[in-house]
Amino acid sequence: MTLKTTLKLTAAAASLAILAGCASTSALEDVRMTAESAQADAAEARSIATQAQNTANQAQRDAQAAMQMAEQNREEMNRMFERSMQK
């Protein structure tokens, strides 16, 4: 289940428990624990997403550096070729 689905189900369960009027202390405690678990899962997902974004950003920087180096090498090879053709 996705995080949003979990949060929606948790909110729905809490609402039903309260609206039913039969919400016992243990049922409310279960809902509270489920909500806390969902919040912890959301925090973990956010942390993982941040790490993934950082990794992607680094990969983008590495790719750009590689492209720049390839362009510099191509230009140097062209100059070398032109010098060899002039001789």
PDB file of N, CA and C in Angstrom:
ATOM      1  N   MET A   1       0.836  -1.175   0.000  1.00  0.00           N
ATOM      2  CA  MET A   1       0.000   0.000   0.000  1.00  0.00           C
ATOM      3  C   MET A   1       0.879   1.236   0.000  1.00  0.00           C
ATOM      4  N   THR A   2       0.403   2.263  -0.677  1.00  0.00           N
ATOM      5  CA  THR A   2       1.162   3.495  -0.688  1.00  0.00           C
ATOM      6  C   THR A   2       0.938   4.258   0.602  1.00  0.00           C
ATOM      7  N   LEU A   3       1.777   5.241   0.808  1.00  0.00           N
ATOM      8  CA  LEU A   3       1.699   6.041   2.011  1.00  0.00           C
ATOM      9  C   LEU A   3       0.377   6.796   2.071  1.00  0.00           C
ATOM     10  N   LYS A   4      -0.049   7.367   0.965  1.00  0.00           N
ATOM     11  CA  LYS A   4      -1.315   8.106   0.946  1.00  0.00           C
ATOM     12  C   LYS A   4      -2.484   7.187   1.280  1.00  0.00           C
ATOM     13  N   THR A   5      -2.471   5.998   0.718  1.00  0.00           N
ATOM     14  CA  THR A   5      -3.540   5.044   0.987  1.00  0.00           C
ATOM     15  C   THR A   5      -3.567   4.689   2.465  1.00  0.00           C
ATOM     16  N   THR A   6      -2.408   4.457   3.030  1.00  0.00           N
ATOM     17  CA  THR A   6      -2.315   4.118   4.450  1.00  0.00           C
ATOM     18  C   THR A   6      -2.861   5.252   5.307  1.00  0.00           C
ATOM     19  N   LEU A   7      -2.470   6.473   4.963  1.00  0.00           N
ATOM     20  CA  LEU A   7      -2.949   7.617   5.736  1.00  0.00           C
ATOM     21  C   LEU A   7      -4.465   7.783   5.604  1.00  0.00           C
ATOM     22  N   LYS A   8      -4.982   7.577   4.399  1.00  0.00           N
ATOM     23  CA  LYS A   8      -6.420   7.692   4.189  1.00  0.00           C
ATOM     24  C   LYS A   8      -7.174   6.626   4.990  1.00  0.00           C
ATOM     25  N   LEU A   9      -6.661   5.396   4.943  1.00  0.00           N
ATOM     26  CA  LEU A   9      -7.312   4.324   5.694  1.00  0.00           C
ATOM     27  C   LEU A   9      -7.257   4.583   7.191  1.00  0.00           C
ATOM     28  N   THR A  10      -6.150   5.130   7.652  1.00  0.00           N
ATOM     29  CA  THR A  10      -6.006   5.448   9.063  1.00  0.00           C
ATOM     30  C   THR A  10      -7.011   6.521   9.467  1.00  0.00           C
ATOM     31  N   ALA A  11      -7.125   7.562   8.653  1.00  0.00           N
ATOM     32  CA  ALA A  11      -8.077   8.634   8.948  1.00  0.00           C
ATOM     33  C   ALA A  11      -9.507   8.105   8.914  1.00  0.00           C
ATOM     34  N   ALA A  12      -9.803   7.265   7.938  1.00  0.00           N
ATOM     35  CA  ALA A  12     -11.144   6.692   7.842  1.00  0.00           C
ATOM     36  C   ALA A  12     -11.453   5.818   9.056  1.00  0.00           C
ATOM     37  N   ALA A  13     -10.491   5.019   9.454  1.00  0.00           N
ATOM     38  CA  ALA A  13     -10.692   4.146  10.616  1.00  0.00           C
ATOM     39  C   ALA A  13     -10.911   4.979  11.874  1.00  0.00           C
ATOM     40  N   ALA A  14     -10.154   6.052  12.018  1.00  0.00           N
ATOM     41  CA  ALA A  14     -10.318   6.910  13.189  1.00  0.00           C
ATOM     42  C   ALA A  14     -11.688   7.570  13.174  1.00  0.00           C
ATOM     43  N   SER A  15     -12.095   8.046  12.022  1.00  0.00           N
ATOM     44  CA  SER A  15     -13.410   8.688  11.908  1.00  0.00           C
ATOM     45  C   SER A  15     -14.534   7.719  12.235  1.00  0.00           C
ATOM     46  N   LEU A  16     -14.461   6.525  11.685  1.00  0.00           N
ATOM     47  CA  LEU A  16     -15.502   5.530  11.951  1.00  0.00           C
ATOM     48  C   LEU A  16     -15.558   5.157  13.417  1.00  0.00           C
ATOM     49  N   ALA A  17     -14.406   5.022  14.014  1.00  0.00           N
ATOM     50  CA  ALA A  17     -14.369   4.654  15.425  1.00  0.00           C
ATOM     51  C   ALA A  17     -15.008   5.733  16.280  1.00  0.00           C
ATOM     52  N   ILE A  18     -14.754   6.981  15.960  1.00  0.00           N
ATOM     53  CA  ILE A  18     -15.310   8.088  16.738  1.00  0.00           C
ATOM     54  C   ILE A  18     -16.799   8.249  16.446  1.00  0.00           C
ATOM     55  N   LEU A  19     -17.172   8.183  15.167  1.00  0.00           N
ATOM     56  CA  LEU A  19     -18.575   8.365  14.786  1.00  0.00           C
ATOM     57  C   LEU A  19     -19.469   7.234  15.283  1.00  0.00           C
ATOM     58  N   ALA A  20     -18.937   6.091  15.419  1.00  0.00           N
ATOM     59  CA  ALA A  20     -19.735   4.952  15.864  1.00  0.00           C
ATOM     60  C   ALA A  20     -20.220   5.132  17.297  1.00  0.00           C
ATOM     61  N   GLY A  21     -19.533   5.944  18.051  1.00  0.00           N
ATOM     62  CA  GLY A  21     -19.953   6.190  19.426  1.00  0.00           C
ATOM     63  C   GLY A  21     -19.598   5.048  20.355  1.00  0.00           C
ATOM     64  N   CYS A  22     -19.068   3.989  19.822  1.00  0.00           N
ATOM     65  CA  CYS A  22     -18.710   2.826  20.633  1.00  0.00           C
ATOM     66  C   CYS A  22     -17.192   2.725  20.759  1.00  0.00           C
ATOM     67  N   ALA A  23     -16.544   3.809  20.527  1.00  0.00           N
ATOM     68  CA  ALA A  23     -15.088   3.780  20.534  1.00  0.00           C
ATOM     69  C   ALA A  23     -14.582   3.542  21.943  1.00  0.00           C
ATOM     70  N   SER A  24     -14.005   2.415  22.110  1.00  0.00           N
ATOM     71  CA  SER A  24     -13.454   2.092  23.418  1.00  0.00           C
ATOM     72  C   SER A  24     -12.044   2.653  23.499  1.00  0.00           C
ATOM     73  N   THR A  25     -11.506   2.654  24.656  1.00  0.00           N
ATOM     74  CA  THR A  25     -10.150   3.149  24.863  1.00  0.00           C
ATOM     75  C   THR A  25      -9.149   2.330  24.059  1.00  0.00           C
ATOM     76  N   SER A  26      -9.342   1.022  24.022  1.00  0.00           N
ATOM     77  CA  SER A  26      -8.398   0.179  23.275  1.00  0.00           C
ATOM     78  C   SER A  26      -8.514   0.432  21.775  1.00  0.00           C
ATOM     79  N   ALA A  27      -9.722   0.677  21.286  1.00  0.00           N
ATOM     80  CA  ALA A  27      -9.892   0.964  19.857  1.00  0.00           C
ATOM     81  C   ALA A  27      -9.226   2.282  19.502  1.00  0.00           C
ATOM     82  N   LEU A  28      -9.390   3.286  20.350  1.00  0.00           N
ATOM     83  CA  LEU A  28      -8.737   4.574  20.097  1.00  0.00           C
ATOM     84  C   LEU A  28      -7.222   4.436  20.172  1.00  0.00           C
ATOM     85  N   GLU A  29      -6.763   3.624  21.076  1.00  0.00           N
ATOM     86  CA  GLU A  29      -5.319   3.385  21.187  1.00  0.00           C
ATOM     87  C   GLU A  29      -4.793   2.711  19.921  1.00  0.00           C
ATOM     88  N   ASP A  30      -5.567   1.762  19.382  1.00  0.00           N
ATOM     89  CA  ASP A  30      -5.183   1.096  18.137  1.00  0.00           C
ATOM     90  C   ASP A  30      -5.103   2.106  16.997  1.00  0.00           C
ATOM     91  N   VAL A  31      -6.083   2.992  16.932  1.00  0.00           N
ATOM     92  CA  VAL A  31      -6.088   4.012  15.882  1.00  0.00           C
ATOM     93  C   VAL A  31      -4.892   4.941  16.046  1.00  0.00           C
ATOM     94  N   ARG A  32      -4.624   5.330  17.284  1.00  0.00           N
ATOM     95  CA  ARG A  32      -3.489   6.211  17.554  1.00  0.00           C
ATOM     96  C   ARG A  32      -2.183   5.541  17.136  1.00  0.00           C
ATOM     97  N   MET A  33      -2.041   4.280  17.469  1.00  0.00           N
ATOM     98  CA  MET A  33      -0.819   3.547  17.114  1.00  0.00           C
ATOM     99  C   MET A  33      -0.687   3.418  15.599  1.00  0.00           C
ATOM    100  N   THR A  34      -1.804   3.188  14.921  1.00  0.00           N
ATOM    101  CA  THR A  34      -1.777   3.091  13.464  1.00  0.00           C
ATOM    102  C   THR A  34      -1.370   4.426  12.851  1.00  0.00           C
ATOM    103  N   ALA A  35      -1.906   5.499  13.392  1.00  0.00           N
ATOM    104  CA  ALA A  35      -1.568   6.831  12.889  1.00  0.00           C
ATOM    105  C   ALA A  35      -0.089   7.139  13.121  1.00  0.00           C
ATOM    106  N   GLU A  36       0.414   6.799  14.286  1.00  0.00           N
ATOM    107  CA  GLU A  36       1.832   7.025  14.577  1.00  0.00           C
ATOM    108  C   GLU A  36       2.714   6.199  13.647  1.00  0.00           C
ATOM    109  N   SER A  37       2.295   4.976  13.387  1.00  0.00           N
ATOM    110  CA  SER A  37       3.043   4.122  12.471  1.00  0.00           C
ATOM    111  C   SER A  37       3.048   4.710  11.064  1.00  0.00           C
ATOM    112  N   ALA A  38       1.901   5.231  10.645  1.00  0.00           N
ATOM    113  CA  ALA A  38       1.817   5.852   9.320  1.00  0.00           C
ATOM    114  C   ALA A  38       2.717   7.084   9.246  1.00  0.00           C
ATOM    115  N   GLN A  39       2.760   7.855  10.301  1.00  0.00           N
ATOM    116  CA  GLN A  39       3.634   9.028  10.321  1.00  0.00           C
ATOM    117  C   GLN A  39       5.101   8.618  10.259  1.00  0.00           C
ATOM    118  N   ALA A  40       5.454   7.569  10.967  1.00  0.00           N
ATOM    119  CA  ALA A  40       6.836   7.083  10.924  1.00  0.00           C
ATOM    120  C   ALA A  40       7.188   6.582   9.529  1.00  0.00           C
ATOM    121  N   ASP A  41       6.243   5.872   8.901  1.00  0.00           N
ATOM    122  CA  ASP A  41       6.465   5.397   7.528  1.00  0.00           C
ATOM    123  C   ASP A  41       6.635   6.571   6.570  1.00  0.00           C
ATOM    124  N   ALA A  42       5.844   7.612   6.757  1.00  0.00           N
ATOM    125  CA  ALA A  42       5.939   8.799   5.903  1.00  0.00           C
ATOM    126  C   ALA A  42       7.292   9.476   6.081  1.00  0.00           C
ATOM    127  N   ALA A  43       7.756   9.579   7.307  1.00  0.00           N
ATOM    128  CA  ALA A  43       9.057  10.195   7.572  1.00  0.00           C
ATOM    129  C   ALA A  43      10.178   9.379   6.931  1.00  0.00           C
ATOM    130  N   GLU A  44      10.070   8.070   7.018  1.00  0.00           N
ATOM    131  CA  GLU A  44      11.080   7.207   6.405  1.00  0.00           C
ATOM    132  C   GLU A  44      11.048   7.335   4.881  1.00  0.00           C
ATOM    133  N   ALA A  45       9.852   7.381   4.320  1.00  0.00           N
ATOM    134  CA  ALA A  45       9.721   7.534   2.863  1.00  0.00           C
ATOM    135  C   ALA A  45      10.310   8.868   2.413  1.00  0.00           C
ATOM    136  N   ARG A  46      10.070   9.911   3.182  1.00  0.00           N
ATOM    137  CA  ARG A  46      10.618  11.233   2.844  1.00  0.00           C
ATOM    138  C   ARG A  46      12.145  11.196   2.881  1.00  0.00           C
ATOM    139  N   SER A  47      12.690  10.535   3.875  1.00  0.00           N
ATOM    140  CA  SER A  47      14.145  10.422   4.002  1.00  0.00           C
ATOM    141  C   SER A  47      14.739   9.664   2.815  1.00  0.00           C
ATOM    142  N   ILE A  48      14.103   8.573   2.436  1.00  0.00           N
ATOM    143  CA  ILE A  48      14.575   7.784   1.298  1.00  0.00           C
ATOM    144  C   ILE A  48      14.477   8.595   0.010  1.00  0.00           C
ATOM    145  N   ALA A  49      13.386   9.340  -0.139  1.00  0.00           N
ATOM    146  CA  ALA A  49      13.214  10.167  -1.333  1.00  0.00           C
ATOM    147  C   ALA A  49      14.284  11.252  -1.403  1.00  0.00           C
ATOM    148  N   THR A  50      14.621  11.837  -0.279  1.00  0.00           N
ATOM    149  CA  THR A  50      15.671  12.861  -0.240  1.00  0.00           C
ATOM    150  C   THR A  50      17.016  12.266  -0.634  1.00  0.00           C
ATOM    151  N   GLN A  51      17.312  11.079  -0.131  1.00  0.00           N
ATOM    152  CA  GLN A  51      18.556  10.407  -0.493  1.00  0.00           C
ATOM    153  C   GLN A  51      18.595  10.091  -1.982  1.00  0.00           C
ATOM    154  N   ALA A  52      17.477   9.642  -2.517  1.00  0.00           N
ATOM    155  CA  ALA A  52      17.402   9.331  -3.947  1.00  0.00           C
ATOM    156  C   ALA A  52      17.597  10.589  -4.777  1.00  0.00           C
ATOM    157  N   GLN A  53      17.010  11.693  -4.351  1.00  0.00           N
ATOM    158  CA  GLN A  53      17.171  12.961  -5.078  1.00  0.00           C
ATOM    159  C   GLN A  53      18.626  13.413  -5.040  1.00  0.00           C
ATOM    160  N   ASN A  54      19.260  13.284  -3.894  1.00  0.00           N
ATOM    161  CA  ASN A  54      20.675  13.660  -3.776  1.00  0.00           C
ATOM    162  C   ASN A  54      21.542  12.805  -4.697  1.00  0.00           C
ATOM    163  N   THR A  55      21.251  11.515  -4.757  1.00  0.00           N
ATOM    164  CA  THR A  55      22.000  10.617  -5.637  1.00  0.00           C
ATOM    165  C   THR A  55      21.782  10.989  -7.099  1.00  0.00           C
ATOM    166  N   ALA A  56      20.548  11.290  -7.451  1.00  0.00           N
ATOM    167  CA  ALA A  56      20.245  11.686  -8.835  1.00  0.00           C
ATOM    168  C   ALA A  56      20.939  12.997  -9.188  1.00  0.00           C
ATOM    169  N   ASN A  57      20.959  13.933  -8.260  1.00  0.00           N
ATOM    170  CA  ASN A  57      21.645  15.206  -8.507  1.00  0.00           C
ATOM    171  C   ASN A  57      23.135  14.988  -8.736  1.00  0.00           C
ATOM    172  N   GLN A  58      23.733  14.116  -7.939  1.00  0.00           N
ATOM    173  CA  GLN A  58      25.163  13.835  -8.110  1.00  0.00           C
ATOM    174  C   GLN A  58      25.416  13.155  -9.448  1.00  0.00           C
ATOM    175  N   ALA A  59      24.560  12.231  -9.826  1.00  0.00           N
ATOM    176  CA  ALA A  59      24.699  11.560 -11.120  1.00  0.00           C
ATOM    177  C   ALA A  59      24.591  12.567 -12.262  1.00  0.00           C
ATOM    178  N   GLN A  60      23.692  13.535 -12.130  1.00  0.00           N
ATOM    179  CA  GLN A  60      23.541  14.574 -13.158  1.00  0.00           C
ATOM    180  C   GLN A  60      24.814  15.412 -13.249  1.00  0.00           C
ATOM    181  N   ARG A  61      25.381  15.779 -12.113  1.00  0.00           N
ATOM    182  CA  ARG A  61      26.629  16.560 -12.122  1.00  0.00           C
ATOM    183  C   ARG A  61      27.760  15.754 -12.760  1.00  0.00           C
ATOM    184  N   ASP A  62      27.839  14.461 -12.427  1.00  0.00           N
ATOM    185  CA  ASP A  62      28.876  13.606 -13.007  1.00  0.00           C
ATOM    186  C   ASP A  62      28.708  13.479 -14.519  1.00  0.00           C
ATOM    187  N   ALA A  63      27.475  13.338 -14.962  1.00  0.00           N
ATOM    188  CA  ALA A  63      27.201  13.216 -16.399  1.00  0.00           C
ATOM    189  C   ALA A  63      27.573  14.505 -17.126  1.00  0.00           C
ATOM    190  N   GLN A  64      27.252  15.635 -16.530  1.00  0.00           N
ATOM    191  CA  GLN A  64      27.604  16.915 -17.154  1.00  0.00           C
ATOM    192  C   GLN A  64      29.112  17.091 -17.239  1.00  0.00           C
ATOM    193  N   ALA A  65      29.821  16.694 -16.203  1.00  0.00           N
ATOM    194  CA  ALA A  65      31.285  16.783 -16.210  1.00  0.00           C
ATOM    195  C   ALA A  65      31.865  15.869 -17.286  1.00  0.00           C
ATOM    196  N   ALA A  66      31.303  14.675 -17.425  1.00  0.00           N
ATOM    197  CA  ALA A  66      31.776  13.743 -18.447  1.00  0.00           C
ATOM    198  C   ALA A  66      31.532  14.298 -19.848  1.00  0.00           C
ATOM    199  N   MET A  67      30.365  14.906 -20.038  1.00  0.00           N
ATOM    200  CA  MET A  67      30.061  15.505 -21.345  1.00  0.00           C
ATOM    201  C   MET A  67      31.023  16.646 -21.661  1.00  0.00           C
ATOM    202  N   GLN A  68      31.316  17.449 -20.666  1.00  0.00           N
ATOM    203  CA  GLN A  68      32.250  18.556 -20.872  1.00  0.00           C
ATOM    204  C   GLN A  68      33.636  18.025 -21.228  1.00  0.00           C
ATOM    205  N   MET A  69      34.076  16.983 -20.537  1.00  0.00           N
ATOM    206  CA  MET A  69      35.382  16.404 -20.825  1.00  0.00           C
ATOM    207  C   MET A  69      35.400  15.795 -22.229  1.00  0.00           C
ATOM    208  N   ALA A  70      34.336  15.136 -22.609  1.00  0.00           N
ATOM    209  CA  ALA A  70      34.260  14.557 -23.950  1.00  0.00           C
ATOM    210  C   ALA A  70      34.324  15.647 -25.011  1.00  0.00           C
ATOM    211  N   GLU A  71      33.650  16.751 -24.782  1.00  0.00           N
ATOM    212  CA  GLU A  71      33.676  17.875 -25.724  1.00  0.00           C
ATOM    213  C   GLU A  71      35.089  18.459 -25.830  1.00  0.00           C
ATOM    214  N   GLN A  72      35.751  18.600 -24.700  1.00  0.00           N
ATOM    215  CA  GLN A  72      37.126  19.106 -24.714  1.00  0.00           C
ATOM    216  C   GLN A  72      38.050  18.156 -25.467  1.00  0.00           C
ATOM    217  N   ASN A  73      37.886  16.860 -25.241  1.00  0.00           N
ATOM    218  CA  ASN A  73      38.709  15.877 -25.949  1.00  0.00           C
ATOM    219  C   ASN A  73      38.444  15.911 -27.447  1.00  0.00           C
ATOM    220  N   ARG A  74      37.174  16.066 -27.835  1.00  0.00           N
ATOM    221  CA  ARG A  74      36.837  16.134 -29.254  1.00  0.00           C
ATOM    222  C   ARG A  74      37.471  17.360 -29.898  1.00  0.00           C
ATOM    223  N   GLU A  75      37.404  18.485 -29.217  1.00  0.00           N
ATOM    224  CA  GLU A  75      38.013  19.708 -29.754  1.00  0.00           C
ATOM    225  C   GLU A  75      39.520  19.549 -29.902  1.00  0.00           C
ATOM    226  N   GLU A  76      40.159  18.942 -28.921  1.00  0.00           N
ATOM    227  CA  GLU A  76      41.610  18.719 -28.993  1.00  0.00           C
ATOM    228  C   GLU A  76      41.960  17.772 -30.140  1.00  0.00           C
ATOM    229  N   MET A  77      41.172  16.729 -30.315  1.00  0.00           N
ATOM    230  CA  MET A  77      41.417  15.795 -31.420  1.00  0.00           C
ATOM    231  C   MET A  77      41.256  16.502 -32.764  1.00  0.00           C
ATOM    232  N   ASN A  78      40.265  17.358 -32.864  1.00  0.00           N
ATOM    233  CA  ASN A  78      40.088  18.119 -34.107  1.00  0.00           C
ATOM    234  C   ASN A  78      41.279  19.023 -34.370  1.00  0.00           C
ATOM    235  N   ARG A  79      41.782  19.688 -33.347  1.00  0.00           N
ATOM    236  CA  ARG A  79      42.968  20.549 -33.527  1.00  0.00           C
ATOM    237  C   ARG A  79      44.171  19.712 -33.946  1.00  0.00           C
ATOM    238  N   MET A  80      44.343  18.554 -33.309  1.00  0.00           N
ATOM    239  CA  MET A  80      45.471  17.683 -33.668  1.00  0.00           C
ATOM    240  C   MET A  80      45.353  17.221 -35.119  1.00  0.00           C
ATOM    241  N   PHE A  81      44.160  16.873 -35.549  1.00  0.00           N
ATOM    242  CA  PHE A  81      43.922  16.423 -36.909  1.00  0.00           C
ATOM    243  C   PHE A  81      44.219  17.554 -37.901  1.00  0.00           C
ATOM    244  N   GLU A  82      43.759  18.752 -37.579  1.00  0.00           N
ATOM    245  CA  GLU A  82      43.996  19.898 -38.454  1.00  0.00           C
ATOM    246  C   GLU A  82      45.493  20.201 -38.568  1.00  0.00           C
ATOM    247  N   ARG A  83      46.217  20.112 -37.435  1.00  0.00           N
ATOM    248  CA  ARG A  83      47.678  20.341 -37.478  1.00  0.00           C
ATOM    249  C   ARG A  83      48.369  19.276 -38.317  1.00  0.00           C
ATOM    250  N   SER A  84      47.910  18.032 -38.212  1.00  0.00           N
ATOM    251  CA  SER A  84      48.553  16.969 -38.982  1.00  0.00           C
ATOM    252  C   SER A  84      48.273  17.139 -40.483  1.00  0.00           C
ATOM    253  N   MET A  85      47.114  17.682 -40.827  1.00  0.00           N
ATOM    254  CA  MET A  85      46.767  17.885 -42.238  1.00  0.00           C
ATOM    255  C   MET A  85      47.530  19.072 -42.829  1.00  0.00           C
ATOM    256  N   GLN A  86      47.979  19.991 -42.011  1.00  0.00           N
ATOM    257  CA  GLN A  86      48.725  21.146 -42.499  1.00  0.00           C
ATOM    258  C   GLN A  86      50.169  20.809 -42.825  1.00  0.00           C
ATOM    259  N   LYS A  87      50.671  19.721 -42.329  1.00  0.00           N
ATOM    260  CA  LYS A  87      52.083  19.353 -42.549  1.00  0.00           C
ATOM    261  C   LYS A  87      52.286  18.703 -43.883  1.00  0.00           C
TER     262      LYS A  87
END
